Amino acid sequence: MTPQENIKETAKLSQQYVSEEIEYIKLKLFYQVTSISSHVVKSSILGLFALLSMTFLSFAVAFWLGNLLDSRFLGFLSVGVFYLLITAIFYFTRKKIEKYVITKMAAKYF
């Protein structure tokens, strides 16, 4: 094989490698996009049903506490304060939660 034939063969193989590498990147990107999309859809549906459940449970607990305390106002106030405390806990631990989520997502997709 002459040097010119070697160069032509190397150029041909390089083009083939670049072409296959581009296809691989497209496939990996497609996988990541569809995986993230399905995760978002599943999480949204799960979140919606969890929110509906929590709403009805909150009303039930508020009315129950209202009957115990002979005041609907105090029942609803107690449930509201409970959720305010939960919100404060999440607010003050948000950096840890964010770090945890990023670490898990990075491990899954990279």
PDB file of N, CA and C in Angstrom:
ATOM      1  N   MET A   1       0.843  -1.171   0.000  1.00  0.00           N
ATOM      2  CA  MET A   1       0.000   0.000   0.000  1.00  0.00           C
ATOM      3  C   MET A   1       0.894   1.242   0.000  1.00  0.00           C
ATOM      4  N   THR A   2       0.563   2.168  -0.865  1.00  0.00           N
ATOM      5  CA  THR A   2       1.366   3.389  -0.962  1.00  0.00           C
ATOM      6  C   THR A   2       0.938   4.367   0.123  1.00  0.00           C
ATOM      7  N   PRO A   3       1.774   5.356   0.437  1.00  0.00           N
ATOM      8  CA  PRO A   3       1.404   6.347   1.448  1.00  0.00           C
ATOM      9  C   PRO A   3       0.127   7.099   1.094  1.00  0.00           C
ATOM     10  N   GLN A   4      -0.076   7.375  -0.191  1.00  0.00           N
ATOM     11  CA  GLN A   4      -1.295   8.088  -0.597  1.00  0.00           C
ATOM     12  C   GLN A   4      -2.534   7.222  -0.363  1.00  0.00           C
ATOM     13  N   GLU A   5      -2.428   5.948  -0.625  1.00  0.00           N
ATOM     14  CA  GLU A   5      -3.552   5.039  -0.357  1.00  0.00           C
ATOM     15  C   GLU A   5      -3.819   4.949   1.141  1.00  0.00           C
ATOM     16  N   ASN A   6      -2.731   4.936   1.915  1.00  0.00           N
ATOM     17  CA  ASN A   6      -2.868   4.933   3.381  1.00  0.00           C
ATOM     18  C   ASN A   6      -3.613   6.170   3.870  1.00  0.00           C
ATOM     19  N   ILE A   7      -3.248   7.320   3.310  1.00  0.00           N
ATOM     20  CA  ILE A   7      -3.892   8.585   3.705  1.00  0.00           C
ATOM     21  C   ILE A   7      -5.369   8.573   3.324  1.00  0.00           C
ATOM     22  N   LYS A   8      -5.673   8.081   2.125  1.00  0.00           N
ATOM     23  CA  LYS A   8      -7.071   7.993   1.681  1.00  0.00           C
ATOM     24  C   LYS A   8      -7.874   7.049   2.580  1.00  0.00           C
ATOM     25  N   GLU A   9      -7.276   5.914   2.897  1.00  0.00           N
ATOM     26  CA  GLU A   9      -7.958   4.940   3.769  1.00  0.00           C
ATOM     27  C   GLU A   9      -8.173   5.533   5.162  1.00  0.00           C
ATOM     28  N   THR A  10      -7.169   6.238   5.678  1.00  0.00           N
ATOM     29  CA  THR A  10      -7.278   6.872   6.995  1.00  0.00           C
ATOM     30  C   THR A  10      -8.370   7.946   6.984  1.00  0.00           C
ATOM     31  N   ALA A  11      -8.421   8.732   5.930  1.00  0.00           N
ATOM     32  CA  ALA A  11      -9.452   9.772   5.813  1.00  0.00           C
ATOM     33  C   ALA A  11     -10.839   9.136   5.754  1.00  0.00           C
ATOM     34  N   LYS A  12     -10.958   8.044   4.982  1.00  0.00           N
ATOM     35  CA  LYS A  12     -12.251   7.345   4.872  1.00  0.00           C
ATOM     36  C   LYS A  12     -12.680   6.787   6.232  1.00  0.00           C
ATOM     37  N   LEU A  13     -11.761   6.158   6.931  1.00  0.00           N
ATOM     38  CA  LEU A  13     -12.083   5.607   8.255  1.00  0.00           C
ATOM     39  C   LEU A  13     -12.399   6.707   9.255  1.00  0.00           C
ATOM     40  N   SER A  14     -11.710   7.829   9.163  1.00  0.00           N
ATOM     41  CA  SER A  14     -11.972   8.958  10.062  1.00  0.00           C
ATOM     42  C   SER A  14     -13.372   9.508   9.832  1.00  0.00           C
ATOM     43  N   GLN A  15     -13.761   9.648   8.559  1.00  0.00           N
ATOM     44  CA  GLN A  15     -15.113  10.119   8.252  1.00  0.00           C
ATOM     45  C   GLN A  15     -16.159   9.147   8.776  1.00  0.00           C
ATOM     46  N   GLN A  16     -15.897   7.863   8.606  1.00  0.00           N
ATOM     47  CA  GLN A  16     -16.826   6.845   9.101  1.00  0.00           C
ATOM     48  C   GLN A  16     -16.927   6.915  10.625  1.00  0.00           C
ATOM     49  N   TYR A  17     -15.799   7.086  11.298  1.00  0.00           N
ATOM     50  CA  TYR A  17     -15.794   7.185  12.763  1.00  0.00           C
ATOM     51  C   TYR A  17     -16.587   8.399  13.227  1.00  0.00           C
ATOM     52  N   VAL A  18     -16.366   9.545  12.592  1.00  0.00           N
ATOM     53  CA  VAL A  18     -17.087  10.773  12.967  1.00  0.00           C
ATOM     54  C   VAL A  18     -18.575  10.592  12.732  1.00  0.00           C
ATOM     55  N   SER A  19     -18.939   9.989  11.624  1.00  0.00           N
ATOM     56  CA  SER A  19     -20.352   9.749  11.314  1.00  0.00           C
ATOM     57  C   SER A  19     -20.999   8.846  12.366  1.00  0.00           C
ATOM     58  N   GLU A  20     -20.323   7.765  12.729  1.00  0.00           N
ATOM     59  CA  GLU A  20     -20.869   6.857  13.740  1.00  0.00           C
ATOM     60  C   GLU A  20     -20.906   7.505  15.117  1.00  0.00           C
ATOM     61  N   GLU A  21     -19.925   8.340  15.421  1.00  0.00           N
ATOM     62  CA  GLU A  21     -19.910   9.042  16.701  1.00  0.00           C
ATOM     63  C   GLU A  21     -21.084  10.020  16.787  1.00  0.00           C
ATOM     64  N   ILE A  22     -21.381  10.697  15.694  1.00  0.00           N
ATOM     65  CA  ILE A  22     -22.535  11.615  15.661  1.00  0.00           C
ATOM     66  C   ILE A  22     -23.825  10.836  15.882  1.00  0.00           C
ATOM     67  N   GLU A  23     -23.970   9.686  15.244  1.00  0.00           N
ATOM     68  CA  GLU A  23     -25.155   8.846  15.436  1.00  0.00           C
ATOM     69  C   GLU A  23     -25.270   8.392  16.893  1.00  0.00           C
ATOM     70  N   TYR A  24     -24.157   8.027  17.487  1.00  0.00           N
ATOM     71  CA  TYR A  24     -24.172   7.609  18.891  1.00  0.00           C
ATOM     72  C   TYR A  24     -24.607   8.762  19.790  1.00  0.00           C
ATOM     73  N   ILE A  25     -24.102   9.950  19.547  1.00  0.00           N
ATOM     74  CA  ILE A  25     -24.472  11.117  20.356  1.00  0.00           C
ATOM     75  C   ILE A  25     -25.958  11.414  20.190  1.00  0.00           C
ATOM     76  N   LYS A  26     -26.469  11.317  18.961  1.00  0.00           N
ATOM     77  CA  LYS A  26     -27.903  11.530  18.730  1.00  0.00           C
ATOM     78  C   LYS A  26     -28.736  10.507  19.508  1.00  0.00           C
ATOM     79  N   LEU A  27     -28.308   9.257  19.463  1.00  0.00           N
ATOM     80  CA  LEU A  27     -29.032   8.196  20.170  1.00  0.00           C
ATOM     81  C   LEU A  27     -28.998   8.427  21.675  1.00  0.00           C
ATOM     82  N   LYS A  28     -27.842   8.796  22.207  1.00  0.00           N
ATOM     83  CA  LYS A  28     -27.731   9.057  23.645  1.00  0.00           C
ATOM     84  C   LYS A  28     -28.581  10.259  24.042  1.00  0.00           C
ATOM     85  N   LEU A  29     -28.575  11.305  23.234  1.00  0.00           N
ATOM     86  CA  LEU A  29     -29.394  12.485  23.511  1.00  0.00           C
ATOM     87  C   LEU A  29     -30.872  12.129  23.476  1.00  0.00           C
ATOM     88  N   PHE A  30     -31.281  11.332  22.473  1.00  0.00           N
ATOM     89  CA  PHE A  30     -32.671  10.886  22.386  1.00  0.00           C
ATOM     90  C   PHE A  30     -33.066  10.107  23.634  1.00  0.00           C
ATOM     91  N   TYR A  31     -32.195   9.203  24.069  1.00  0.00           N
ATOM     92  CA  TYR A  31     -32.471   8.421  25.272  1.00  0.00           C
ATOM     93  C   TYR A  31     -32.636   9.326  26.491  1.00  0.00           C
ATOM     94  N   GLN A  32     -31.749  10.288  26.655  1.00  0.00           N
ATOM     95  CA  GLN A  32     -31.805  11.172  27.815  1.00  0.00           C
ATOM     96  C   GLN A  32     -33.051  12.049  27.781  1.00  0.00           C
ATOM     97  N   VAL A  33     -33.390  12.583  26.615  1.00  0.00           N
ATOM     98  CA  VAL A  33     -34.574  13.442  26.501  1.00  0.00           C
ATOM     99  C   VAL A  33     -35.841  12.636  26.790  1.00  0.00           C
ATOM    100  N   THR A  34     -35.964  11.450  26.201  1.00  0.00           N
ATOM    101  CA  THR A  34     -37.164  10.652  26.451  1.00  0.00           C
ATOM    102  C   THR A  34     -37.221  10.164  27.893  1.00  0.00           C
ATOM    103  N   SER A  35     -36.090   9.832  28.452  1.00  0.00           N
ATOM    104  CA  SER A  35     -36.063   9.383  29.841  1.00  0.00           C
ATOM    105  C   SER A  35     -36.483  10.513  30.780  1.00  0.00           C
ATOM    106  N   ILE A  36     -35.944  11.696  30.564  1.00  0.00           N
ATOM    107  CA  ILE A  36     -36.308  12.844  31.398  1.00  0.00           C
ATOM    108  C   ILE A  36     -37.775  13.197  31.197  1.00  0.00           C
ATOM    109  N   SER A  37     -38.245  13.176  29.954  1.00  0.00           N
ATOM    110  CA  SER A  37     -39.645  13.499  29.664  1.00  0.00           C
ATOM    111  C   SER A  37     -40.593  12.529  30.356  1.00  0.00           C
ATOM    112  N   SER A  38     -40.295  11.241  30.262  1.00  0.00           N
ATOM    113  CA  SER A  38     -41.182  10.267  30.906  1.00  0.00           C
ATOM    114  C   SER A  38     -41.133  10.425  32.420  1.00  0.00           C
ATOM    115  N   HIS A  39     -39.969  10.741  32.960  1.00  0.00           N
ATOM    116  CA  HIS A  39     -39.856  10.966  34.408  1.00  0.00           C
ATOM    117  C   HIS A  39     -40.691  12.174  34.829  1.00  0.00           C
ATOM    118  N   VAL A  40     -40.653  13.238  34.046  1.00  0.00           N
ATOM    119  CA  VAL A  40     -41.427  14.442  34.364  1.00  0.00           C
ATOM    120  C   VAL A  40     -42.923  14.138  34.300  1.00  0.00           C
ATOM    121  N   VAL A  41     -43.349  13.412  33.272  1.00  0.00           N
ATOM    122  CA  VAL A  41     -44.775  13.078  33.136  1.00  0.00           C
ATOM    123  C   VAL A  41     -45.230  12.192  34.296  1.00  0.00           C
ATOM    124  N   LYS A  42     -44.453  11.146  34.593  1.00  0.00           N
ATOM    125  CA  LYS A  42     -44.823  10.261  35.707  1.00  0.00           C
ATOM    126  C   LYS A  42     -44.853  11.022  37.029  1.00  0.00           C
ATOM    127  N   SER A  43     -43.866  11.860  37.248  1.00  0.00           N
ATOM    128  CA  SER A  43     -43.812  12.625  38.495  1.00  0.00           C
ATOM    129  C   SER A  43     -44.968  13.616  38.590  1.00  0.00           C
ATOM    130  N   SER A  44     -45.339  14.216  37.467  1.00  0.00           N
ATOM    131  CA  SER A  44     -46.452  15.169  37.463  1.00  0.00           C
ATOM    132  C   SER A  44     -47.765  14.478  37.792  1.00  0.00           C
ATOM    133  N   ILE A  45     -48.000  13.322  37.192  1.00  0.00           N
ATOM    134  CA  ILE A  45     -49.234  12.580  37.465  1.00  0.00           C
ATOM    135  C   ILE A  45     -49.257  12.130  38.924  1.00  0.00           C
ATOM    136  N   LEU A  46     -48.150  11.595  39.389  1.00  0.00           N
ATOM    137  CA  LEU A  46     -48.066  11.166  40.788  1.00  0.00           C
ATOM    138  C   LEU A  46     -48.255  12.355  41.728  1.00  0.00           C
ATOM    139  N   GLY A  47     -47.642  13.474  41.399  1.00  0.00           N
ATOM    140  CA  GLY A  47     -47.769  14.680  42.214  1.00  0.00           C
ATOM    141  C   GLY A  47     -49.197  15.198  42.253  1.00  0.00           C
ATOM    142  N   LEU A  48     -49.882  15.148  41.108  1.00  0.00           N
ATOM    143  CA  LEU A  48     -51.270  15.593  41.054  1.00  0.00           C
ATOM    144  C   LEU A  48     -52.153  14.755  41.976  1.00  0.00           C
ATOM    145  N   PHE A  49     -52.012  13.434  41.891  1.00  0.00           N
ATOM    146  CA  PHE A  49     -52.831  12.572  42.742  1.00  0.00           C
ATOM    147  C   PHE A  49     -52.447  12.708  44.219  1.00  0.00           C
ATOM    148  N   ALA A  50     -51.170  12.907  44.486  1.00  0.00           N
ATOM    149  CA  ALA A  50     -50.743  13.127  45.872  1.00  0.00           C
ATOM    150  C   ALA A  50     -51.324  14.438  46.401  1.00  0.00           C
ATOM    151  N   LEU A  51     -51.336  15.468  45.563  1.00  0.00           N
ATOM    152  CA  LEU A  51     -51.897  16.756  45.969  1.00  0.00           C
ATOM    153  C   LEU A  51     -53.390  16.649  46.247  1.00  0.00           C
ATOM    154  N   LEU A  52     -54.103  15.960  45.376  1.00  0.00           N
ATOM    155  CA  LEU A  52     -55.536  15.761  45.607  1.00  0.00           C
ATOM    156  C   LEU A  52     -55.782  14.977  46.894  1.00  0.00           C
ATOM    157  N   SER A  53     -54.999  13.932  47.108  1.00  0.00           N
ATOM    158  CA  SER A  53     -55.153  13.140  48.330  1.00  0.00           C
ATOM    159  C   SER A  53     -54.866  13.976  49.567  1.00  0.00           C
ATOM    160  N   MET A  54     -53.787  14.745  49.525  1.00  0.00           N
ATOM    161  CA  MET A  54     -53.431  15.578  50.671  1.00  0.00           C
ATOM    162  C   MET A  54     -54.491  16.651  50.934  1.00  0.00           C
ATOM    163  N   THR A  55     -55.094  17.162  49.881  1.00  0.00           N
ATOM    164  CA  THR A  55     -56.143  18.172  50.051  1.00  0.00           C
ATOM    165  C   THR A  55     -57.328  17.579  50.805  1.00  0.00           C
ATOM    166  N   PHE A  56     -57.798  16.420  50.345  1.00  0.00           N
ATOM    167  CA  PHE A  56     -58.951  15.804  51.017  1.00  0.00           C
ATOM    168  C   PHE A  56     -58.606  15.352  52.435  1.00  0.00           C
ATOM    169  N   LEU A  57     -57.411  14.807  52.615  1.00  0.00           N
ATOM    170  CA  LEU A  57     -56.999  14.410  53.966  1.00  0.00           C
ATOM    171  C   LEU A  57     -56.869  15.620  54.884  1.00  0.00           C
ATOM    172  N   SER A  58     -56.375  16.722  54.346  1.00  0.00           N
ATOM    173  CA  SER A  58     -56.242  17.941  55.150  1.00  0.00           C
ATOM    174  C   SER A  58     -57.599  18.460  55.596  1.00  0.00           C
ATOM    175  N   PHE A  59     -58.558  18.461  54.681  1.00  0.00           N
ATOM    176  CA  PHE A  59     -59.908  18.882  55.063  1.00  0.00           C
ATOM    177  C   PHE A  59     -60.490  17.950  56.125  1.00  0.00           C
ATOM    178  N   ALA A  60     -60.287  16.643  55.944  1.00  0.00           N
ATOM    179  CA  ALA A  60     -60.814  15.684  56.918  1.00  0.00           C
ATOM    180  C   ALA A  60     -60.187  15.910  58.294  1.00  0.00           C
ATOM    181  N   VAL A  61     -58.869  16.105  58.336  1.00  0.00           N
ATOM    182  CA  VAL A  61     -58.192  16.332  59.616  1.00  0.00           C
ATOM    183  C   VAL A  61     -58.629  17.663  60.222  1.00  0.00           C
ATOM    184  N   ALA A  62     -58.782  18.683  59.384  1.00  0.00           N
ATOM    185  CA  ALA A  62     -59.200  19.989  59.892  1.00  0.00           C
ATOM    186  C   ALA A  62     -60.604  19.906  60.508  1.00  0.00           C
ATOM    187  N   PHE A  63     -61.525  19.233  59.826  1.00  0.00           N
ATOM    188  CA  PHE A  63     -62.877  19.091  60.390  1.00  0.00           C
ATOM    189  C   PHE A  63     -62.857  18.234  61.660  1.00  0.00           C
ATOM    190  N   TRP A  64     -62.053  17.174  61.668  1.00  0.00           N
ATOM    191  CA  TRP A  64     -61.954  16.314  62.845  1.00  0.00           C
ATOM    192  C   TRP A  64     -61.403  17.094  64.032  1.00  0.00           C
ATOM    193  N   LEU A  65     -60.291  17.836  63.797  1.00  0.00           N
ATOM    194  CA  LEU A  65     -59.740  18.657  64.880  1.00  0.00           C
ATOM    195  C   LEU A  65     -60.730  19.738  65.317  1.00  0.00           C
ATOM    196  N   GLY A  66     -61.459  20.284  64.348  1.00  0.00           N
ATOM    197  CA  GLY A  66     -62.480  21.281  64.671  1.00  0.00           C
ATOM    198  C   GLY A  66     -63.544  20.711  65.586  1.00  0.00           C
ATOM    199  N   ASN A  67     -63.951  19.476  65.338  1.00  0.00           N
ATOM    200  CA  ASN A  67     -64.937  18.840  66.218  1.00  0.00           C
ATOM    201  C   ASN A  67     -64.350  18.572  67.599  1.00  0.00           C
ATOM    202  N   LEU A  68     -63.080  18.143  67.639  1.00  0.00           N
ATOM    203  CA  LEU A  68     -62.435  17.891  68.931  1.00  0.00           C
ATOM    204  C   LEU A  68     -62.293  19.172  69.757  1.00  0.00           C
ATOM    205  N   LEU A  69     -61.939  20.249  69.071  1.00  0.00           N
ATOM    206  CA  LEU A  69     -61.691  21.520  69.762  1.00  0.00           C
ATOM    207  C   LEU A  69     -62.929  22.409  69.825  1.00  0.00           C
ATOM    208  N   ASP A  70     -64.047  21.920  69.323  1.00  0.00           N
ATOM    209  CA  ASP A  70     -65.302  22.687  69.261  1.00  0.00           C
ATOM    210  C   ASP A  70     -65.133  24.006  68.518  1.00  0.00           C
ATOM    211  N   SER A  71     -64.270  24.026  67.533  1.00  0.00           N
ATOM    212  CA  SER A  71     -64.051  25.231  66.734  1.00  0.00           C
ATOM    213  C   SER A  71     -63.436  24.844  65.401  1.00  0.00           C
ATOM    214  N   ARG A  72     -64.210  25.037  64.326  1.00  0.00           N
ATOM    215  CA  ARG A  72     -63.662  24.740  62.998  1.00  0.00           C
ATOM    216  C   ARG A  72     -62.457  25.618  62.709  1.00  0.00           C
ATOM    217  N   PHE A  73     -62.527  26.857  63.162  1.00  0.00           N
ATOM    218  CA  PHE A  73     -61.417  27.779  62.952  1.00  0.00           C
ATOM    219  C   PHE A  73     -60.117  27.201  63.509  1.00  0.00           C
ATOM    220  N   LEU A  74     -60.145  26.693  64.731  1.00  0.00           N
ATOM    221  CA  LEU A  74     -58.937  26.126  65.333  1.00  0.00           C
ATOM    222  C   LEU A  74     -58.476  24.859  64.611  1.00  0.00           C
ATOM    223  N   GLY A  75     -59.417  24.080  64.102  1.00  0.00           N
ATOM    224  CA  GLY A  75     -59.071  22.881  63.336  1.00  0.00           C
ATOM    225  C   GLY A  75     -58.314  23.246  62.073  1.00  0.00           C
ATOM    226  N   PHE A  76     -58.848  24.204  61.319  1.00  0.00           N
ATOM    227  CA  PHE A  76     -58.182  24.628  60.088  1.00  0.00           C
ATOM    228  C   PHE A  76     -56.884  25.371  60.387  1.00  0.00           C
ATOM    229  N   LEU A  77     -56.873  26.140  61.465  1.00  0.00           N
ATOM    230  CA  LEU A  77     -55.650  26.840  61.852  1.00  0.00           C
ATOM    231  C   LEU A  77     -54.547  25.837  62.212  1.00  0.00           C
ATOM    232  N   SER A  78     -54.889  24.785  62.918  1.00  0.00           N
ATOM    233  CA  SER A  78     -53.903  23.763  63.288  1.00  0.00           C
ATOM    234  C   SER A  78     -53.305  23.097  62.047  1.00  0.00           C
ATOM    235  N   VAL A  79     -54.149  22.753  61.100  1.00  0.00           N
ATOM    236  CA  VAL A  79     -53.659  22.130  59.863  1.00  0.00           C
ATOM    237  C   VAL A  79     -52.782  23.119  59.091  1.00  0.00           C
ATOM    238  N   GLY A  80     -53.186  24.374  59.045  1.00  0.00           N
ATOM    239  CA  GLY A  80     -52.388  25.396  58.369  1.00  0.00           C
ATOM    240  C   GLY A  80     -51.030  25.593  59.012  1.00  0.00           C
ATOM    241  N   VAL A  81     -50.996  25.607  60.347  1.00  0.00           N
ATOM    242  CA  VAL A  81     -49.714  25.747  61.055  1.00  0.00           C
ATOM    243  C   VAL A  81     -48.832  24.531  60.805  1.00  0.00           C
ATOM    244  N   PHE A  82     -49.429  23.356  60.765  1.00  0.00           N
ATOM    245  CA  PHE A  82     -48.667  22.147  60.460  1.00  0.00           C
ATOM    246  C   PHE A  82     -47.987  22.263  59.098  1.00  0.00           C
ATOM    247  N   TYR A  83     -48.748  22.680  58.080  1.00  0.00           N
ATOM    248  CA  TYR A  83     -48.159  22.831  56.746  1.00  0.00           C
ATOM    249  C   TYR A  83     -47.131  23.961  56.699  1.00  0.00           C
ATOM    250  N   LEU A  84     -47.329  24.986  57.477  1.00  0.00           N
ATOM    251  CA  LEU A  84     -46.347  26.071  57.560  1.00  0.00           C
ATOM    252  C   LEU A  84     -45.029  25.553  58.149  1.00  0.00           C
ATOM    253  N   LEU A  85     -45.122  24.697  59.168  1.00  0.00           N
ATOM    254  CA  LEU A  85     -43.915  24.096  59.743  1.00  0.00           C
ATOM    255  C   LEU A  85     -43.196  23.192  58.735  1.00  0.00           C
ATOM    256  N   ILE A  86     -43.959  22.400  58.008  1.00  0.00           N
ATOM    257  CA  ILE A  86     -43.372  21.537  56.983  1.00  0.00           C
ATOM    258  C   ILE A  86     -42.671  22.394  55.920  1.00  0.00           C
ATOM    259  N   THR A  87     -43.323  23.487  55.518  1.00  0.00           N
ATOM    260  CA  THR A  87     -42.729  24.390  54.528  1.00  0.00           C
ATOM    261  C   THR A  87     -41.437  24.993  55.053  1.00  0.00           C
ATOM    262  N   ALA A  88     -41.410  25.404  56.309  1.00  0.00           N
ATOM    263  CA  ALA A  88     -40.209  25.990  56.909  1.00  0.00           C
ATOM    264  C   ALA A  88     -39.070  24.970  56.947  1.00  0.00           C
ATOM    265  N   ILE A  89     -39.391  23.729  57.270  1.00  0.00           N
ATOM    266  CA  ILE A  89     -38.364  22.680  57.295  1.00  0.00           C
ATOM    267  C   ILE A  89     -37.768  22.495  55.901  1.00  0.00           C
ATOM    268  N   PHE A  90     -38.626  22.418  54.893  1.00  0.00           N
ATOM    269  CA  PHE A  90     -38.127  22.277  53.528  1.00  0.00           C
ATOM    270  C   PHE A  90     -37.327  23.504  53.090  1.00  0.00           C
ATOM    271  N   TYR A  91     -37.769  24.675  53.506  1.00  0.00           N
ATOM    272  CA  TYR A  91     -37.050  25.899  53.131  1.00  0.00           C
ATOM    273  C   TYR A  91     -35.638  25.900  53.708  1.00  0.00           C
ATOM    274  N   PHE A  92     -35.511  25.529  54.960  1.00  0.00           N
ATOM    275  CA  PHE A  92     -34.199  25.579  55.603  1.00  0.00           C
ATOM    276  C   PHE A  92     -33.293  24.415  55.210  1.00  0.00           C
ATOM    277  N   THR A  93     -33.854  23.364  54.637  1.00  0.00           N
ATOM    278  CA  THR A  93     -33.030  22.241  54.173  1.00  0.00           C
ATOM    279  C   THR A  93     -32.992  22.158  52.647  1.00  0.00           C
ATOM    280  N   ARG A  94     -33.378  23.221  51.965  1.00  0.00           N
ATOM    281  CA  ARG A  94     -33.479  23.197  50.508  1.00  0.00           C
ATOM    282  C   ARG A  94     -32.140  22.945  49.830  1.00  0.00           C
ATOM    283  N   LYS A  95     -31.052  23.446  50.383  1.00  0.00           N
ATOM    284  CA  LYS A  95     -29.732  23.252  49.759  1.00  0.00           C
ATOM    285  C   LYS A  95     -29.347  21.766  49.789  1.00  0.00           C
ATOM    286  N   LYS A  96     -29.616  21.092  50.907  1.00  0.00           N
ATOM    287  CA  LYS A  96     -29.318  19.665  51.002  1.00  0.00           C
ATOM    288  C   LYS A  96     -30.194  18.870  50.038  1.00  0.00           C
ATOM    289  N   ILE A  97     -31.460  19.238  49.956  1.00  0.00           N
ATOM    290  CA  ILE A  97     -32.383  18.551  49.057  1.00  0.00           C
ATOM    291  C   ILE A  97     -31.953  18.758  47.608  1.00  0.00           C
ATOM    292  N   GLU A  98     -31.593  19.993  47.265  1.00  0.00           N
ATOM    293  CA  GLU A  98     -31.145  20.296  45.899  1.00  0.00           C
ATOM    294  C   GLU A  98     -29.883  19.514  45.550  1.00  0.00           C
ATOM    295  N   LYS A  99     -28.945  19.462  46.475  1.00  0.00           N
ATOM    296  CA  LYS A  99     -27.698  18.719  46.243  1.00  0.00           C
ATOM    297  C   LYS A  99     -27.998  17.233  46.035  1.00  0.00           C
ATOM    298  N   TYR A 100     -28.885  16.687  46.849  1.00  0.00           N
ATOM    299  CA  TYR A 100     -29.263  15.281  46.734  1.00  0.00           C
ATOM    300  C   TYR A 100     -29.887  14.993  45.366  1.00  0.00           C
ATOM    301  N   VAL A 101     -30.815  15.853  44.940  1.00  0.00           N
ATOM    302  CA  VAL A 101     -31.499  15.644  43.659  1.00  0.00           C
ATOM    303  C   VAL A 101     -30.508  15.746  42.506  1.00  0.00           C
ATOM    304  N   ILE A 102     -29.636  16.738  42.540  1.00  0.00           N
ATOM    305  CA  ILE A 102     -28.652  16.901  41.467  1.00  0.00           C
ATOM    306  C   ILE A 102     -27.712  15.705  41.410  1.00  0.00           C
ATOM    307  N   THR A 103     -27.277  15.227  42.563  1.00  0.00           N
ATOM    308  CA  THR A 103     -26.381  14.066  42.600  1.00  0.00           C
ATOM    309  C   THR A 103     -27.058  12.837  42.015  1.00  0.00           C
ATOM    310  N   LYS A 104     -28.298  12.612  42.395  1.00  0.00           N
ATOM    311  CA  LYS A 104     -29.034  11.446  41.877  1.00  0.00           C
ATOM    312  C   LYS A 104     -29.262  11.555  40.381  1.00  0.00           C
ATOM    313  N   MET A 105     -29.659  12.740  39.913  1.00  0.00           N
ATOM    314  CA  MET A 105     -29.917  12.921  38.488  1.00  0.00           C
ATOM    315  C   MET A 105     -28.623  12.792  37.681  1.00  0.00           C
ATOM    316  N   ALA A 106     -27.537  13.350  38.198  1.00  0.00           N
ATOM    317  CA  ALA A 106     -26.256  13.270  37.484  1.00  0.00           C
ATOM    318  C   ALA A 106     -25.799  11.816  37.379  1.00  0.00           C
ATOM    319  N   ALA A 107     -25.976  11.059  38.453  1.00  0.00           N
ATOM    320  CA  ALA A 107     -25.563   9.644  38.442  1.00  0.00           C
ATOM    321  C   ALA A 107     -26.399   8.848  37.432  1.00  0.00           C
ATOM    322  N   LYS A 108     -27.658   9.227  37.281  1.00  0.00           N
ATOM    323  CA  LYS A 108     -28.529   8.482  36.383  1.00  0.00           C
ATOM    324  C   LYS A 108     -28.280   8.816  34.912  1.00  0.00           C
ATOM    325  N   TYR A 109     -27.986  10.066  34.606  1.00  0.00           N
ATOM    326  CA  TYR A 109     -27.921  10.491  33.212  1.00  0.00           C
ATOM    327  C   TYR A 109     -26.505  10.700  32.674  1.00  0.00           C
ATOM    328  N   PHE A 110     -25.491  10.637  33.524  1.00  0.00           N
ATOM    329  CA  PHE A 110     -24.120  10.857  33.018  1.00  0.00           C
ATOM    330  C   PHE A 110     -23.188   9.742  33.433  1.00  0.00           C
TER     331      PHE A 110
END
